[in-house]
C-alpha atoms as a PDB file:
ATOM      1  CA  MET A   1      24.182   8.552 -17.692  1.00  0.00           C
ATOM      2  CA  ASN A   2      22.632   5.105 -16.682  1.00  0.00           C
ATOM      3  CA  ILE A   3      19.236   5.395 -14.531  1.00  0.00           C
ATOM      4  CA  VAL A   4      17.518   2.838 -12.679  1.00  0.00           C
ATOM      5  CA  VAL A   5      13.806   3.091 -11.827  1.00  0.00           C
ATOM      6  CA  CYS A   6      12.354   1.019  -9.150  1.00  0.00           C
ATOM      7  CA  VAL A   7       8.820   0.049  -9.907  1.00  0.00           C
ATOM      8  CA  LYS A   8       6.141  -1.958  -8.163  1.00  0.00           C
ATOM      9  CA  TYR A   9       3.309  -4.240  -9.472  1.00  0.00           C
ATOM     10  CA  VAL A  10       0.291  -3.368  -7.411  1.00  0.00           C
ATOM     11  CA  PRO A  11      -3.535  -4.339  -7.235  1.00  0.00           C
ATOM     12  CA  ASP A  12      -5.777  -2.016  -9.194  1.00  0.00           C
ATOM     13  CA  ALA A  13      -6.691   0.687  -7.033  1.00  0.00           C
ATOM     14  CA  THR A  14     -10.146   0.979  -8.685  1.00  0.00           C
ATOM     15  CA  ALA A  15     -10.950  -2.701  -7.964  1.00  0.00           C
ATOM     16  CA  ASP A  16     -12.483  -4.064  -4.728  1.00  0.00           C
ATOM     17  CA  ARG A  17      -9.269  -5.041  -2.820  1.00  0.00           C
ATOM     18  CA  SER A  18      -9.413  -7.339   0.033  1.00  0.00           C
ATOM     19  CA  PHE A  19      -7.029  -9.603   2.116  1.00  0.00           C
ATOM     20  CA  ASP A  20      -6.103 -13.237   1.797  1.00  0.00           C
ATOM     21  CA  SER A  21      -7.691 -15.194   4.831  1.00  0.00           C
ATOM     22  CA  SER A  22      -5.002 -17.562   4.825  1.00  0.00           C
ATOM     23  CA  ASP A  23      -2.083 -15.236   5.864  1.00  0.00           C
ATOM     24  CA  ASN A  24      -3.775 -11.645   6.119  1.00  0.00           C
ATOM     25  CA  THR A  25      -1.759 -10.575   3.159  1.00  0.00           C
ATOM     26  CA  VAL A  26      -3.230  -8.614   0.410  1.00  0.00           C
ATOM     27  CA  ASP A  27      -5.148 -10.743  -2.095  1.00  0.00           C
ATOM     28  CA  ARG A  28      -3.360 -10.411  -5.429  1.00  0.00           C
ATOM     29  CA  GLU A  29      -5.169 -13.257  -7.168  1.00  0.00           C
ATOM     30  CA  GLY A  30      -8.640 -11.809  -6.855  1.00  0.00           C
ATOM     31  CA  VAL A  31      -7.966  -8.529  -8.510  1.00  0.00           C
ATOM     32  CA  ASP A  32      -6.089  -7.496 -11.659  1.00  0.00           C
ATOM     33  CA  GLY A  33      -2.641  -5.829 -11.199  1.00  0.00           C
ATOM     34  CA  LEU A  34      -0.859  -3.252 -12.899  1.00  0.00           C
ATOM     35  CA  LEU A  35       2.311  -0.958 -12.795  1.00  0.00           C
ATOM     36  CA  SER A  36       1.669   1.390  -9.891  1.00  0.00           C
ATOM     37  CA  GLU A  37       0.504   4.669 -11.238  1.00  0.00           C
ATOM     38  CA  LEU A  38       2.680   6.749  -9.110  1.00  0.00           C
ATOM     39  CA  ASP A  39       5.757   4.875 -10.444  1.00  0.00           C
ATOM     40  CA  GLU A  40       4.749   5.964 -14.002  1.00  0.00           C
ATOM     41  CA  TYR A  41       5.754   9.380 -12.987  1.00  0.00           C
ATOM     42  CA  ALA A  42       9.221   7.993 -11.947  1.00  0.00           C
ATOM     43  CA  VAL A  43       9.523   6.290 -15.339  1.00  0.00           C
ATOM     44  CA  GLU A  44       8.625   9.475 -17.099  1.00  0.00           C
ATOM     45  CA  GLN A  45      11.229  11.528 -15.305  1.00  0.00           C
ATOM     46  CA  ALA A  46      13.941   8.984 -15.712  1.00  0.00           C
ATOM     47  CA  LEU A  47      13.257   8.844 -19.401  1.00  0.00           C
ATOM     48  CA  LEU A  48      13.524  12.641 -19.714  1.00  0.00           C
ATOM     49  CA  ALA A  49      16.803  12.711 -17.762  1.00  0.00           C
ATOM     50  CA  ALA A  50      18.229   9.922 -20.133  1.00  0.00           C
ATOM     51  CA  GLU A  51      17.039  11.778 -23.227  1.00  0.00           C
ATOM     52  CA  GLU A  52      19.218  14.689 -22.240  1.00  0.00           C
ATOM     53  CA  SER A  53      22.232  12.853 -21.358  1.00  0.00           C
ATOM     54  CA  ASP A  54      21.857  10.132 -24.161  1.00  0.00           C
ATOM     55  CA  GLY A  55      21.547   7.578 -21.409  1.00  0.00           C
ATOM     56  CA  GLU A  56      20.024   4.502 -20.549  1.00  0.00           C
ATOM     57  CA  VAL A  57      17.040   3.293 -18.318  1.00  0.00           C
ATOM     58  CA  THR A  58      16.798   0.141 -16.589  1.00  0.00           C
ATOM     59  CA  VAL A  59      13.448  -0.969 -14.727  1.00  0.00           C
ATOM     60  CA  LEU A  60      13.818  -2.946 -11.606  1.00  0.00           C
ATOM     61  CA  THR A  61      10.921  -4.681  -9.751  1.00  0.00           C
ATOM     62  CA  VAL A  62      10.479  -7.061  -7.159  1.00  0.00           C
ATOM     63  CA  GLY A  63       7.489  -9.464  -7.073  1.00  0.00           C
ATOM     64  CA  PRO A  64       5.675 -12.597  -8.312  1.00  0.00           C
ATOM     65  CA  ALA A  65       5.522 -13.624 -11.943  1.00  0.00           C
ATOM     66  CA  ASP A  66       2.727 -11.281 -12.874  1.00  0.00           C
ATOM     67  CA  ALA A  67       5.016  -8.321 -11.811  1.00  0.00           C
ATOM     68  CA  ALA A  68       6.634  -8.854 -15.339  1.00  0.00           C
ATOM     69  CA  ASP A  69       3.511  -6.798 -16.519  1.00  0.00           C
ATOM     70  CA  ALA A  70       5.017  -3.826 -14.608  1.00  0.00           C
ATOM     71  CA  VAL A  71       8.333  -4.100 -16.291  1.00  0.00           C
ATOM     72  CA  ARG A  72       6.736  -4.603 -19.703  1.00  0.00           C
ATOM     73  CA  LYS A  73       4.652  -1.331 -19.257  1.00  0.00           C
ATOM     74  CA  ALA A  74       7.687   0.585 -18.285  1.00  0.00           C
ATOM     75  CA  LEU A  75       9.550  -0.766 -21.358  1.00  0.00           C
ATOM     76  CA  GLN A  76       6.692   0.146 -23.647  1.00  0.00           C
ATOM     77  CA  MET A  77       6.970   3.778 -22.302  1.00  0.00           C
ATOM     78  CA  GLY A  78      10.607   3.778 -23.756  1.00  0.00           C
ATOM     79  CA  ALA A  79      12.906   2.064 -20.891  1.00  0.00           C
ATOM     80  CA  HIS A  80      15.570   0.160 -22.551  1.00  0.00           C
ATOM     81  CA  LYS A  81      15.670  -3.120 -20.232  1.00  0.00           C
ATOM     82  CA  GLY A  82      14.355  -4.599 -17.312  1.00  0.00           C
ATOM     83  CA  VAL A  83      15.278  -6.527 -14.171  1.00  0.00           C
ATOM     84  CA  HIS A  84      12.791  -8.834 -12.240  1.00  0.00           C
ATOM     85  CA  VAL A  85      13.440 -10.237  -8.948  1.00  0.00           C
ATOM     86  CA  GLU A  86      11.132 -13.168  -8.287  1.00  0.00           C
ATOM     87  CA  ASP A  87      11.308 -15.758  -5.608  1.00  0.00           C
ATOM     88  CA  ASP A  88       8.366 -17.591  -3.726  1.00  0.00           C
ATOM     89  CA  ASP A  89      10.317 -16.673  -0.381  1.00  0.00           C
ATOM     90  CA  ILE A  90       9.895 -12.899  -0.977  1.00  0.00           C
ATOM     91  CA  ALA A  91       5.849 -13.186  -0.503  1.00  0.00           C
ATOM     92  CA  GLY A  92       4.804 -10.969   2.579  1.00  0.00           C
ATOM     93  CA  SER A  93       7.864  -8.973   2.681  1.00  0.00           C
ATOM     94  CA  ASP A  94       7.669  -5.601   4.388  1.00  0.00           C
ATOM     95  CA  ALA A  95       9.316  -2.241   3.283  1.00  0.00           C
ATOM     96  CA  ALA A  96      12.583  -3.085   5.272  1.00  0.00           C
ATOM     97  CA  ALA A  97      12.868  -6.647   3.268  1.00  0.00           C
ATOM     98  CA  THR A  98      12.039  -4.854  -0.042  1.00  0.00           C
ATOM     99  CA  SER A  99      14.532  -2.358   0.421  1.00  0.00           C
ATOM    100  CA  LEU A 100      17.017  -4.963   1.174  1.00  0.00           C
ATOM    101  CA  ILE A 101      16.177  -6.775  -1.987  1.00  0.00           C
ATOM    102  CA  LEU A 102      16.339  -3.721  -3.989  1.00  0.00           C
ATOM    103  CA  ALA A 103      19.637  -2.667  -2.607  1.00  0.00           C
ATOM    104  CA  LYS A 104      21.229  -5.973  -3.468  1.00  0.00           C
ATOM    105  CA  ALA A 105      19.625  -5.925  -6.808  1.00  0.00           C
ATOM    106  CA  LEU A 106      20.939  -2.428  -7.583  1.00  0.00           C
ATOM    107  CA  GLY A 107      24.446  -3.713  -6.477  1.00  0.00           C
ATOM    108  CA  THR A 108      24.626  -5.758  -9.684  1.00  0.00           C
ATOM    109  CA  LEU A 109      23.693  -2.906 -11.871  1.00  0.00           C
ATOM    110  CA  GLU A 110      25.489   0.370 -13.118  1.00  0.00           C
ATOM    111  CA  TYR A 111      23.648   3.598 -12.247  1.00  0.00           C
ATOM    112  CA  ASP A 112      24.304   7.129 -11.872  1.00  0.00           C
ATOM    113  CA  LEU A 113      20.584   7.730 -10.576  1.00  0.00           C
ATOM    114  CA  VAL A 114      17.924   5.650  -8.921  1.00  0.00           C
ATOM    115  CA  PHE A 115      14.399   7.030  -9.397  1.00  0.00           C
ATOM    116  CA  PHE A 116      11.000   5.879  -7.412  1.00  0.00           C
ATOM    117  CA  GLY A 117       7.706   7.121  -7.280  1.00  0.00           C
ATOM    118  CA  MET A 118       6.578   8.879  -4.205  1.00  0.00           C
ATOM    119  CA  SER A 119       4.836   5.922  -2.732  1.00  0.00           C
ATOM    120  CA  SER A 120       3.092   2.771  -3.996  1.00  0.00           C
ATOM    121  CA  THR A 121      -0.797   2.846  -4.410  1.00  0.00           C
ATOM    122  CA  ASP A 122      -1.086  -0.199  -2.330  1.00  0.00           C
ATOM    123  CA  GLY A 123       1.037   0.340   0.716  1.00  0.00           C
ATOM    124  CA  THR A 124       1.328   4.269   0.403  1.00  0.00           C
ATOM    125  CA  MET A 125       4.279   4.196   2.918  1.00  0.00           C
ATOM    126  CA  GLY A 126       6.757   6.154   0.744  1.00  0.00           C
ATOM    127  CA  VAL A 127       9.757   5.015   3.024  1.00  0.00           C
ATOM    128  CA  VAL A 128      11.363   2.456   0.720  1.00  0.00           C
ATOM    129  CA  PRO A 129      13.379   5.000  -1.420  1.00  0.00           C
ATOM    130  CA  THR A 130      14.954   6.366   1.666  1.00  0.00           C
ATOM    131  CA  MET A 131      15.710   2.839   3.072  1.00  0.00           C
ATOM    132  CA  VAL A 132      17.327   1.863  -0.196  1.00  0.00           C
ATOM    133  CA  ALA A 133      19.549   4.958  -0.175  1.00  0.00           C
ATOM    134  CA  GLU A 134      20.585   4.272   3.445  1.00  0.00           C
ATOM    135  CA  ARG A 135      21.527   0.768   2.542  1.00  0.00           C
ATOM    136  CA  LEU A 136      23.753   1.953  -0.423  1.00  0.00           C
ATOM    137  CA  GLY A 137      25.218   4.887   1.517  1.00  0.00           C
ATOM    138  CA  LEU A 138      23.743   7.577  -0.879  1.00  0.00           C
ATOM    139  CA  PRO A 139      21.949  10.670  -0.659  1.00  0.00           C
ATOM    140  CA  ALA A 140      18.146  10.460  -0.848  1.00  0.00           C
ATOM    141  CA  VAL A 141      16.237  13.626  -2.565  1.00  0.00           C
ATOM    142  CA  THR A 142      12.656  12.545  -2.094  1.00  0.00           C
ATOM    143  CA  TYR A 143       9.202  14.055  -3.106  1.00  0.00           C
ATOM    144  CA  GLY A 144      10.547  15.976  -6.001  1.00  0.00           C
ATOM    145  CA  SER A 145       7.917  17.959  -8.092  1.00  0.00           C
ATOM    146  CA  GLU A 146      10.461  19.245 -10.645  1.00  0.00           C
ATOM    147  CA  ILE A 147      13.759  17.299 -11.539  1.00  0.00           C
ATOM    148  CA  SER A 148      16.640  18.473 -13.722  1.00  0.00           C
ATOM    149  CA  VAL A 149      19.976  16.847 -14.190  1.00  0.00           C
ATOM    150  CA  ASP A 150      23.141  18.655 -15.273  1.00  0.00           C
ATOM    151  CA  GLY A 151      26.157  16.424 -15.608  1.00  0.00           C
ATOM    152  CA  SER A 152      26.590  14.642 -12.338  1.00  0.00           C
ATOM    153  CA  THR A 153      24.370  16.928 -10.419  1.00  0.00           C
ATOM    154  CA  VAL A 154      20.561  16.445  -9.876  1.00  0.00           C
ATOM    155  CA  THR A 155      18.587  19.275  -8.710  1.00  0.00           C
ATOM    156  CA  VAL A 156      15.043  18.751  -7.048  1.00  0.00           C
ATOM    157  CA  ARG A 157      12.324  21.101  -6.161  1.00  0.00           C
ATOM    158  CA  ARG A 158      10.352  19.831  -3.299  1.00  0.00           C
ATOM    159  CA  ASP A 159       6.945  21.640  -2.762  1.00  0.00           C
ATOM    160  CA  GLY A 160       5.515  21.686   0.870  1.00  0.00           C
ATOM    161  CA  ASP A 161       2.430  23.014   2.472  1.00  0.00           C
ATOM    162  CA  VAL A 162       4.124  26.250   3.507  1.00  0.00           C
ATOM    163  CA  ALA A 163       7.399  26.399   1.615  1.00  0.00           C
ATOM    164  CA  THR A 164       9.225  25.122  -1.546  1.00  0.00           C
ATOM    165  CA  GLU A 165      12.802  23.755  -1.149  1.00  0.00           C
ATOM    166  CA  THR A 166      15.423  23.388  -3.917  1.00  0.00           C
ATOM    167  CA  ILE A 167      17.914  20.603  -3.262  1.00  0.00           C
ATOM    168  CA  THR A 168      20.979  19.435  -5.115  1.00  0.00           C
ATOM    169  CA  ALA A 169      22.882  16.243  -4.774  1.00  0.00           C
ATOM    170  CA  SER A 170      25.800  14.685  -6.753  1.00  0.00           C
ATOM    171  CA  ALA A 171      25.313  11.316  -8.359  1.00  0.00           C
ATOM    172  CA  PRO A 172      25.062   8.591  -7.681  1.00  0.00           C
ATOM    173  CA  ALA A 173      21.843   9.416  -5.739  1.00  0.00           C
ATOM    174  CA  VAL A 174      18.270   8.112  -5.014  1.00  0.00           C
ATOM    175  CA  VAL A 175      15.434  10.390  -6.149  1.00  0.00           C
ATOM    176  CA  SER A 176      11.748   9.950  -5.625  1.00  0.00           C
ATOM    177  CA  VAL A 177       9.050  12.027  -7.439  1.00  0.00           C
ATOM    178  CA  THR A 178       5.571  13.181  -6.956  1.00  0.00           C
ATOM    179  CA  ASP A 179       2.700  13.125  -9.311  1.00  0.00           C
ATOM    180  CA  GLN A 180       3.242  16.715  -9.933  1.00  0.00           C
ATOM    181  CA  SER A 181       6.624  16.083 -11.747  1.00  0.00           C
ATOM    182  CA  GLY A 182       4.974  15.724 -15.032  1.00  0.00           C
ATOM    183  CA  GLU A 183       2.404  13.731 -16.945  1.00  0.00           C
ATOM    184  CA  PRO A 184       3.679  10.331 -17.778  1.00  0.00           C
ATOM    185  CA  ARG A 185       3.725   9.371 -21.439  1.00  0.00           C
ATOM    186  CA  TYR A 186       1.320   6.634 -23.046  1.00  0.00           C
ATOM    187  CA  PRO A 187       3.046   3.815 -24.729  1.00  0.00           C
ATOM    188  CA  SER A 188       2.806   4.235 -28.497  1.00  0.00           C
ATOM    189  CA  PHE A 189       2.200   1.308 -30.808  1.00  0.00           C
ATOM    190  CA  LYS A 190       5.880   1.546 -31.894  1.00  0.00           C
ATOM    191  CA  GLY A 191       6.928   1.433 -28.152  1.00  0.00           C
ATOM    192  CA  ILE A 192       4.698  -1.553 -27.511  1.00  0.00           C
ATOM    193  CA  MET A 193       6.282  -3.533 -30.393  1.00  0.00           C
ATOM    194  CA  ALA A 194       9.890  -2.570 -29.540  1.00  0.00           C
ATOM    195  CA  ALA A 195       9.285  -3.632 -25.915  1.00  0.00           C
ATOM    196  CA  LYS A 196       8.994  -7.341 -27.061  1.00  0.00           C
ATOM    197  CA  LYS A 197      12.449  -7.427 -27.917  1.00  0.00           C
ATOM    198  CA  LYS A 198      13.974  -5.714 -25.085  1.00  0.00           C
ATOM    199  CA  PRO A 199      15.941  -7.798 -22.468  1.00  0.00           C
ATOM    200  CA  VAL A 200      14.575  -8.589 -19.119  1.00  0.00           C
ATOM    201  CA  GLU A 201      16.919 -10.335 -16.473  1.00  0.00           C
ATOM    202  CA  ASP A 202      15.478 -12.625 -13.863  1.00  0.00           C
ATOM    203  CA  LEU A 203      17.050 -12.756 -10.695  1.00  0.00           C
ATOM    204  CA  THR A 204      16.102 -14.815  -7.511  1.00  0.00           C
ATOM    205  CA  LEU A 205      17.279 -14.369  -3.695  1.00  0.00           C
ATOM    206  CA  SER A 206      20.216 -16.794  -4.294  1.00  0.00           C
ATOM    207  CA  ASP A 207      21.438 -14.689  -7.210  1.00  0.00           C
ATOM    208  CA  LEU A 208      21.458 -11.610  -4.835  1.00  0.00           C
ATOM    209  CA  GLY A 209      23.067 -13.606  -1.878  1.00  0.00           C
ATOM    210  CA  ILE A 210      19.976 -12.968   0.300  1.00  0.00           C
ATOM    211  CA  ASP A 211      18.906 -15.688   2.947  1.00  0.00           C
ATOM    212  CA  PRO A 212      15.195 -16.344   2.751  1.00  0.00           C
ATOM    213  CA  SER A 213      14.986 -15.980   6.598  1.00  0.00           C
ATOM    214  CA  GLU A 214      15.695 -12.249   6.030  1.00  0.00           C
ATOM    215  CA  VAL A 215      12.601 -11.725   3.748  1.00  0.00           C
ATOM    216  CA  GLY A 216       9.199 -12.839   3.544  1.00  0.00           C
ATOM    217  CA  LEU A 217       6.070 -12.641   6.024  1.00  0.00           C
ATOM    218  CA  ASP A 218       8.042 -14.517   8.916  1.00  0.00           C
ATOM    219  CA  ALA A 219      10.589 -11.760   8.987  1.00  0.00           C
ATOM    220  CA  ALA A 220       8.054  -8.990   8.416  1.00  0.00           C
ATOM    221  CA  GLY A 221       8.072  -6.360  11.345  1.00  0.00           C
ATOM    222  CA  THR A 222       4.724  -5.325  10.298  1.00  0.00           C
ATOM    223  CA  LYS A 223       1.694  -7.580  10.057  1.00  0.00           C
ATOM    224  CA  VAL A 224      -1.974  -7.489   9.520  1.00  0.00           C
ATOM    225  CA  LEU A 225      -3.506  -9.195  12.587  1.00  0.00           C
ATOM    226  CA  SER A 226      -7.036  -9.088  11.435  1.00  0.00           C
ATOM    227  CA  PHE A 227      -9.622  -7.473   8.927  1.00  0.00           C
ATOM    228  CA  ALA A 228     -13.130  -7.275   8.301  1.00  0.00           C
ATOM    229  CA  PRO A 229     -15.086  -5.815   5.356  1.00  0.00           C
ATOM    230  CA  ARG A 230     -16.250  -2.356   5.344  1.00  0.00           C
ATOM    231  CA  PRO A 231     -19.765  -2.029   6.674  1.00  0.00           C
ATOM    232  CA  PRO A 232     -22.358  -1.019   4.165  1.00  0.00           C
ATOM    233  CA  ARG A 233     -23.299   2.661   3.950  1.00  0.00           C
ATOM    234  CA  SER A 234     -26.573   3.628   5.732  1.00  0.00           C
ATOM    235  CA  ALA A 235     -29.235   5.511   3.813  1.00  0.00           C
ATOM    236  CA  GLY A 236     -28.890   9.380   4.209  1.00  0.00           C
ATOM    237  CA  GLU A 237     -31.228  11.499   5.963  1.00  0.00           C
ATOM    238  CA  ILE A 238     -33.774  13.425   3.840  1.00  0.00           C
ATOM    239  CA  VAL A 239     -34.728  16.814   5.362  1.00  0.00           C
ATOM    240  CA  THR A 240     -37.964  18.507   3.730  1.00  0.00           C
ATOM    241  CA  ASP A 241     -37.672  22.309   3.610  1.00  0.00           C
ATOM    242  CA  GLU A 242     -40.784  23.847   4.875  1.00  0.00           C
ATOM    243  CA  GLY A 243     -39.233  27.269   5.566  1.00  0.00           C
ATOM    244  CA  ASP A 244     -37.225  26.010   8.277  1.00  0.00           C
ATOM    245  CA  GLY A 245     -34.667  24.055   6.255  1.00  0.00           C
ATOM    246  CA  GLY A 246     -31.680  26.159   7.587  1.00  0.00           C
ATOM    247  CA  VAL A 247     -32.572  25.559  11.249  1.00  0.00           C
ATOM    248  CA  LYS A 248     -32.965  21.850  10.629  1.00  0.00           C
ATOM    249  CA  LEU A 249     -29.475  21.904   8.789  1.00  0.00           C
ATOM    250  CA  ALA A 250     -27.926  23.838  11.680  1.00  0.00           C
ATOM    251  CA  ALA A 251     -29.330  21.330  14.144  1.00  0.00           C
ATOM    252  CA  PHE A 252     -28.201  18.319  12.154  1.00  0.00           C
ATOM    253  CA  LEU A 253     -24.716  19.839  11.900  1.00  0.00           C
ATOM    254  CA  ALA A 254     -24.638  20.475  15.638  1.00  0.00           C
ATOM    255  CA  SER A 255     -25.756  16.947  16.476  1.00  0.00           C
ATOM    256  CA  LYS A 256     -22.712  15.583  14.668  1.00  0.00           C
ATOM    257  CA  LYS A 257     -20.459  18.093  16.361  1.00  0.00           C
ATOM    258  CA  PHE A 258     -19.757  19.697  12.961  1.00  0.00           C
ATOM    259  CA  VAL A 259     -20.369  23.276  14.375  1.00  0.00           C
END
């Protein structure tokens, strides 16, 4: 079974993130980037499915030159090869344009299943998997917390707030997984060394037959119009309990409309 995992290179969520004042896009130069943590779960599930079916895992990413680090991390985890779509005209693309690029790139690959994380840790939209499935004319089974593959059938358990659903789909299909699907493996020293010899194919918009006018910031349907730093937190209020602490606490909560 051939499996493709679509991953994203994102700014470190633990860092102090901001926007670039020149175009109001995410500042990717002033913060370290890495493979989106939620995409690691997709890589793990793809590797498990490939191990059961003696298959192969390809990692696909769209992004700047540094996005190769996201591919490299997945290869270190055990993926077999990578594909990196890099083009200056991609900068500022929204979810719709990203789904177009991914769908076109997937059209150059052989696959039975396409895995995604539940969302990226920067945009946190979670709509790209379904958009890609729509463009490819494939079934989309999203937010899976448990995934099993039997032949050409993928079964996904989706846990909601009030119910659990079990959904099956026939390959080829698009699957997204949550952070409850299974702990991602750590790259071993052997895996890190082996990743250096694994092939990574570089593609451009021209290679995919995409006109630059279809992607990028100018084509984006959503844009950041303005931004401002978060205001500093004010000092908390200290209440001295002199036997009436409960009354003061109740009065404080009432003044803030908490009770």
